[in-house]
Structures are given as structure tokens and as C-alpha cells.
């Protein structure tokens, strides 16, 4: 191999290595589908669907794909505005419906002790409509349940015709509990990997108490469900890799002709 060919191929290999290192150094971003769902007592879930248009989540920071050890979610891709959920179960009377407005704050999650967890507040209000459907004349009163502590921790109180306390907690892929009632997230190499089509579910308990006897304690849980879809490499990176590989092939062909 001539010195010229050796220098050229060495330079190209160094360039490819540099490109590889650059790719490892940047945060790995994914597009995604999913939702945040809030389940109050035995009622059907209130869902904040994802609208990931133009947004990405960052998985494992600079570490690339693999088992998820870190996750960053921007604010507001999970949102709903004045969603109405009718409630017809006579067992939860006088609740007749729920009207939900809200969105997520930015979230950051990290692994500790084999469990992925962190904070992501849900900004908004769940209006629990009593004695009649939300928005109708039969609806004579309601409870406005603030959600800012959900997924973030802390407590918030509302004092009025009905006194209300909401206690939140961070998200986890482990087990969340309110008394003896438990719900689980999903955390396993097979189901929560930072790779295309990976999925992860986090859960957070929401403790709601009121001064209404039948609803003195209202257990609730919120779930964050994500399905990851890795972004395609940037066109510039693809072109650089393609050019480097093509040049190496040309050098190899040139060497074969000279041998």
C-alpha cells in the first residue's frame, strides 16, 4: 500500500471515528406516542393524549440507546382542553361527570436502585360534576380538583363549600400505593429499553380527601405511557458516513488494480 493511500485511509478512518464519537456525545432523541391517564377511584380514566408533533424526548442523555436510565420530556405534549367524561355508574352517585383541562410540565426521570422515577407535574384542574352532567342545568355543584401536585409531590388545599386536599408524589416504574390499593409501572429490559419500539409506564399515586362523608378518601392514580420511536439520523450525518464509506471502497478498488 502506498504512503499516499495509507495516509488517505488513515485520515478517513479517523474521520469516521470522530463522527462516531460525536454521535455518542449528543443526547439521543426519540419521537414517541403515548398518553397520561388519570384514574379517580373506580371511574373510567381521563386521558391526556400525546401530541408529539415537532417535539422529542431525550433518552439516556449522552449514553445512547439501551436500558432506560434517564428520560427527559418537554412541557405540554400531553394536553387536553375541556374533555368531558360522563359518569353513569350509580355506585359513585352523586358524581355525574368529570371535565378535564390540563397539560404536563417538563419532566425529568432517572434510575436509582433499578427503578426509574422522577417528577413531571400535571398542570390543570379536574372538575368533578355532582348531581348532573357537566355543563347542564342539572349540575348544581362540583369539586375542582387541582392537579399541580400530581407527579411532582406536595399537597394543595381548596377551602369552600367543599373542603378538598390533594396530595401528590413523584412518578415511578415500581409500585405506587394508597393504603392497601396498589398500581404498578413497567420496568424490565424487555419492555422499557431506549430503542425503537421500546415502551415504559410510570405511575404516581394521588390522594384526594374531602369533607363529604362518602368521599372522605378518594384514591386516584395517574399513568404515563410512552412508546419510543427513534429519530432517523440527520441527513448531514448520513451523507458524511456515506461519503467516507464510498471513499474507502474506492481506495480498496485502487489497491486491487495496482496489486
Protein backbone atom coordinates (compact mmCIF):
# COMPACT_ATOMS: atom_id res chain seq x y z
CA UNK A 1 0.00 0.00 0.00
CA UNK A 2 1.46 3.38 -0.97
CA UNK A 3 2.12 6.07 1.63
CA UNK A 4 -0.49 8.23 -0.10
CA UNK A 5 -3.18 5.55 0.11
CA UNK A 6 -2.20 4.74 3.69
CA UNK A 7 -2.47 8.42 4.70
CA UNK A 8 -5.82 8.81 2.95
CA UNK A 9 -7.33 5.70 4.51
CA UNK A 10 -5.94 6.58 7.94
CA UNK A 11 -7.46 10.05 7.67
CA UNK A 12 -10.82 8.65 6.64
CA UNK A 13 -10.84 6.13 9.46
CA UNK A 14 -10.05 8.93 11.90
CA UNK A 15 -12.91 10.98 10.44
CA UNK A 16 -15.33 8.07 10.81
CA UNK A 17 -14.17 7.55 14.39
CA UNK A 18 -14.71 11.23 15.08
CA UNK A 19 -18.20 11.05 13.64
CA UNK A 20 -18.93 8.05 15.84
CA UNK A 21 -17.69 9.87 18.93
CA UNK A 22 -19.74 12.91 18.02
CA UNK A 23 -22.81 10.72 17.69
CA UNK A 24 -22.19 9.22 21.12
CA UNK A 25 -21.66 12.64 22.70
CA UNK A 26 -25.01 14.08 21.66
CA UNK A 27 -28.20 13.28 23.53
CA UNK A 28 -30.26 10.54 21.89
CA UNK A 29 -33.69 11.87 20.93
CA UNK A 30 -36.82 9.88 20.18
CA UNK A 31 -40.20 10.68 18.79
CA UNK A 32 -42.98 8.91 20.62
CA UNK A 33 -46.64 8.14 21.10
CA UNK A 34 -48.49 7.69 24.36
CA UNK A 35 -50.66 9.41 26.93
CA UNK A 36 -51.11 10.46 30.51
CA UNK A 37 -54.22 8.98 32.12
CA UNK A 38 -55.80 9.89 35.44
CA UNK A 39 -57.96 7.26 37.15
CA UNK A 40 -60.06 8.62 40.03
CA UNK A 41 -61.40 5.86 42.28
CA UNK A 42 -63.30 3.37 40.08
CA UNK A 43 -64.19 5.85 37.32
CA UNK A 44 -63.07 5.50 33.73
CA UNK A 45 -59.70 7.14 33.03
CA UNK A 46 -59.40 10.75 31.95
CA UNK A 47 -56.79 10.76 29.17
CA UNK A 48 -54.35 13.46 28.12
CA UNK A 49 -53.20 12.18 24.71
CA UNK A 50 -49.75 12.94 23.35
CA UNK A 51 -49.37 15.40 20.51
CA UNK A 52 -45.64 14.96 19.85
CA UNK A 53 -45.65 16.99 16.63
CA UNK A 54 -42.35 18.80 16.49
CA UNK A 55 -41.22 17.56 19.92
CA UNK A 56 -38.84 14.83 21.05
CA UNK A 57 -37.89 13.20 24.31
CA UNK A 58 -34.30 12.58 25.33
CA UNK A 59 -33.38 9.06 26.42
CA UNK A 60 -30.26 8.24 28.46
CA UNK A 61 -28.73 11.68 27.96
CA UNK A 62 -25.34 11.20 26.27
CA UNK A 63 -25.41 7.46 26.80
CA UNK A 64 -27.38 6.46 23.74
CA UNK A 65 -29.84 3.60 23.46
CA UNK A 66 -30.12 0.66 25.81
CA UNK A 67 -31.98 0.05 29.05
CA UNK A 68 -33.55 3.38 30.04
CA UNK A 69 -31.61 5.08 32.83
CA UNK A 70 -32.67 8.68 32.16
CA UNK A 71 -35.58 10.33 30.40
CA UNK A 72 -36.39 13.99 29.72
CA UNK A 73 -39.82 15.12 28.46
CA UNK A 74 -40.59 18.69 27.34
CA UNK A 75 -43.60 20.63 28.61
CA UNK A 76 -47.08 20.31 27.10
CA UNK A 77 -47.09 17.47 24.55
CA UNK A 78 -49.66 15.75 26.80
CA UNK A 79 -52.70 18.00 26.93
CA UNK A 80 -56.48 18.11 26.87
CA UNK A 81 -58.93 21.03 26.90
CA UNK A 82 -62.39 20.75 28.50
CA UNK A 83 -62.61 16.99 27.96
CA UNK A 84 -65.96 15.67 29.24
CA UNK A 85 -66.25 12.22 30.79
CA UNK A 86 -69.86 11.23 31.59
CA UNK A 87 -70.27 9.03 34.67
CA UNK A 88 -73.28 6.70 34.75
CA UNK A 89 -72.28 4.25 37.49
CA UNK A 90 -74.92 4.56 40.26
CA UNK A 91 -72.36 3.28 42.74
CA UNK A 92 -70.48 6.60 42.66
CA UNK A 93 -73.54 8.90 42.91
CA UNK A 94 -73.69 11.93 43.16
CA UNK A 95 -70.74 12.10 40.71
CA UNK A 96 -72.25 12.57 37.25
CA UNK A 97 -69.23 13.56 35.19
CA UNK A 98 -65.70 14.92 35.03
CA UNK A 99 -64.46 17.86 32.99
CA UNK A 100 -60.70 17.84 32.47
CA UNK A 101 -58.35 20.58 31.33
CA UNK A 102 -54.60 20.25 31.72
CA UNK A 103 -51.15 19.63 30.33
CA UNK A 104 -47.83 18.30 31.56
CA UNK A 105 -44.97 20.38 32.86
CA UNK A 106 -41.43 19.40 31.80
CA UNK A 107 -40.37 16.08 33.29
CA UNK A 108 -37.04 14.53 34.23
CA UNK A 109 -36.58 10.92 35.27
CA UNK A 110 -33.51 8.97 36.38
CA UNK A 111 -32.72 5.46 37.53
CA UNK A 112 -31.97 4.77 41.19
CA UNK A 113 -31.72 1.31 42.67
CA UNK A 114 -33.05 -0.27 39.50
CA UNK A 115 -36.18 1.93 39.50
CA UNK A 116 -36.86 4.74 37.03
CA UNK A 117 -38.55 7.72 38.66
CA UNK A 118 -38.77 11.49 38.82
CA UNK A 119 -41.10 14.46 38.67
CA UNK A 120 -43.43 15.77 35.99
CA UNK A 121 -46.31 17.89 37.24
CA UNK A 122 -49.75 17.90 35.63
CA UNK A 123 -50.91 21.50 35.40
CA UNK A 124 -54.67 21.91 35.30
CA UNK A 125 -57.95 21.03 37.00
CA UNK A 126 -60.33 18.09 37.12
CA UNK A 127 -63.84 19.38 37.75
CA UNK A 128 -65.94 16.63 39.32
CA UNK A 129 -69.57 17.44 38.49
CA UNK A 130 -72.16 16.45 41.09
CA UNK A 131 -75.85 15.61 40.70
CA UNK A 132 -75.90 16.29 36.96
CA UNK A 133 -73.85 16.16 33.78
CA UNK A 134 -71.11 18.78 33.43
CA UNK A 135 -72.39 21.88 31.63
CA UNK A 136 -76.09 21.14 32.18
CA UNK A 137 -78.67 22.82 34.42
CA UNK A 138 -78.88 19.63 36.48
CA UNK A 139 -75.27 20.13 37.57
CA UNK A 140 -75.80 22.13 40.78
CA UNK A 141 -72.34 21.82 42.30
CA UNK A 142 -68.86 20.49 41.59
CA UNK A 143 -65.45 19.85 43.04
CA UNK A 144 -62.48 21.49 41.31
CA UNK A 145 -59.54 19.17 41.92
CA UNK A 146 -56.21 20.98 41.31
CA UNK A 147 -53.59 18.73 39.73
CA UNK A 148 -50.33 20.69 40.11
CA UNK A 149 -49.00 18.29 42.78
CA UNK A 150 -49.78 15.19 40.70
CA UNK A 151 -46.49 13.64 39.62
CA UNK A 152 -44.50 16.31 41.47
CA UNK A 153 -45.17 15.80 45.18
CA UNK A 154 -46.53 18.04 47.90
CA UNK A 155 -50.09 18.95 48.80
CA UNK A 156 -52.65 21.59 47.89
CA UNK A 157 -55.86 22.58 49.69
CA UNK A 158 -59.08 24.13 48.47
CA UNK A 159 -61.43 25.70 51.01
CA UNK A 160 -65.02 26.43 50.03
CA UNK A 161 -68.44 24.81 50.04
CA UNK A 162 -66.44 21.58 49.93
CA UNK A 163 -63.01 21.41 51.53
CA UNK A 164 -60.53 19.46 49.46
CA UNK A 165 -56.95 18.26 49.89
CA UNK A 166 -54.84 16.70 47.13
CA UNK A 167 -51.52 15.01 47.93
CA UNK A 168 -49.18 14.06 45.09
CA UNK A 169 -45.95 12.12 44.70
CA UNK A 170 -43.22 11.61 42.06
CA UNK A 171 -43.57 9.07 39.25
CA UNK A 172 -42.10 5.58 39.47
CA UNK A 173 -41.81 2.37 37.46
CA UNK A 174 -42.14 0.44 40.73
CA UNK A 175 -45.30 0.01 42.82
CA UNK A 176 -47.37 3.02 43.90
CA UNK A 177 -49.74 2.65 46.84
CA UNK A 178 -52.60 4.45 48.56
CA UNK A 179 -53.27 2.42 51.68
CA UNK A 180 -53.79 -1.15 50.51
CA UNK A 181 -54.57 -0.13 46.91
CA UNK A 182 -51.57 -0.54 44.60
CA UNK A 183 -50.71 0.03 40.96
CA UNK A 184 -47.51 -0.88 39.16
CA UNK A 185 -45.38 0.70 36.47
CA UNK A 186 -43.37 -1.28 33.92
CA UNK A 187 -39.62 -1.64 34.25
CA UNK A 188 -37.82 -4.53 32.61
CA UNK A 189 -35.15 -4.95 29.93
CA UNK A 190 -37.74 -6.42 27.59
CA UNK A 191 -40.35 -3.70 27.95
CA UNK A 192 -38.56 -0.45 28.73
CA UNK A 193 -35.49 -0.18 26.56
CA UNK A 194 -34.31 3.03 24.93
CA UNK A 195 -34.60 1.53 21.47
CA UNK A 196 -37.10 1.77 18.63
CA UNK A 197 -40.47 0.37 19.77
CA UNK A 198 -39.40 0.40 23.42
CA UNK A 199 -42.16 1.10 25.95
CA UNK A 200 -42.20 2.37 29.51
CA UNK A 201 -45.01 3.01 32.01
CA UNK A 202 -44.65 5.18 35.09
CA UNK A 203 -47.28 5.54 37.81
CA UNK A 204 -47.93 8.06 40.58
CA UNK A 205 -50.44 7.90 43.48
CA UNK A 206 -52.89 10.78 44.03
CA UNK A 207 -54.52 11.00 47.48
CA UNK A 208 -57.72 13.08 47.47
CA UNK A 209 -59.70 13.81 50.64
CA UNK A 210 -62.85 15.90 51.17
CA UNK A 211 -65.24 16.77 53.98
CA UNK A 212 -68.02 14.83 52.23
CA UNK A 213 -68.60 11.62 54.14
CA UNK A 214 -68.95 9.32 51.14
CA UNK A 215 -65.82 10.84 49.57
CA UNK A 216 -63.68 11.47 52.65
CA UNK A 217 -60.91 9.49 50.93
CA UNK A 218 -60.79 9.24 47.13
CA UNK A 219 -57.85 7.17 45.84
CA UNK A 220 -56.53 8.03 42.38
CA UNK A 221 -53.57 7.08 40.21
CA UNK A 222 -52.01 8.69 37.17
CA UNK A 223 -50.15 6.73 34.49
CA UNK A 224 -47.56 7.92 31.97
CA UNK A 225 -47.37 5.59 28.98
CA UNK A 226 -44.66 6.02 26.34
CA UNK A 227 -43.89 4.16 23.12
CA UNK A 228 -40.50 5.23 21.78
CA UNK A 229 -39.66 5.70 18.11
CA UNK A 230 -36.03 6.56 17.39
CA UNK A 231 -35.47 9.50 15.07
CA UNK A 232 -33.81 8.85 11.73
CA UNK A 233 -30.17 10.05 11.58
CA UNK A 234 -29.73 13.62 10.41
CA UNK A 235 -29.23 13.90 6.61
CA UNK A 236 -25.83 15.54 7.12
CA UNK A 237 -24.60 12.66 9.25
CA UNK A 238 -25.85 10.11 6.73
CA UNK A 239 -24.09 11.96 3.90
CA UNK A 240 -20.82 12.13 5.86
CA UNK A 241 -20.90 8.42 6.66
CA UNK A 242 -21.84 7.55 3.08
CA UNK A 243 -19.06 9.68 1.63
CA UNK A 244 -16.46 8.18 3.97
CA UNK A 245 -17.51 4.62 3.18
CA UNK A 246 -17.59 5.29 -0.56
CA UNK A 247 -14.06 6.74 -0.44
CA UNK A 248 -12.73 3.72 1.47
CA UNK A 249 -14.29 1.41 -1.13
CA UNK A 250 -12.62 3.45 -3.90
CA UNK A 251 -9.23 3.18 -2.15
CA UNK A 252 -9.65 -0.57 -1.83
CA UNK A 253 -10.51 -0.85 -5.53
CA UNK A 254 -7.46 1.24 -6.43
CA UNK A 255 -5.20 -1.02 -4.35
CA UNK A 256 -6.55 -4.14 -6.07
CA UNK A 257 -5.81 -2.63 -9.52
CA UNK A 258 -2.20 -1.85 -8.52
CA UNK A 259 -1.51 -5.27 -6.98
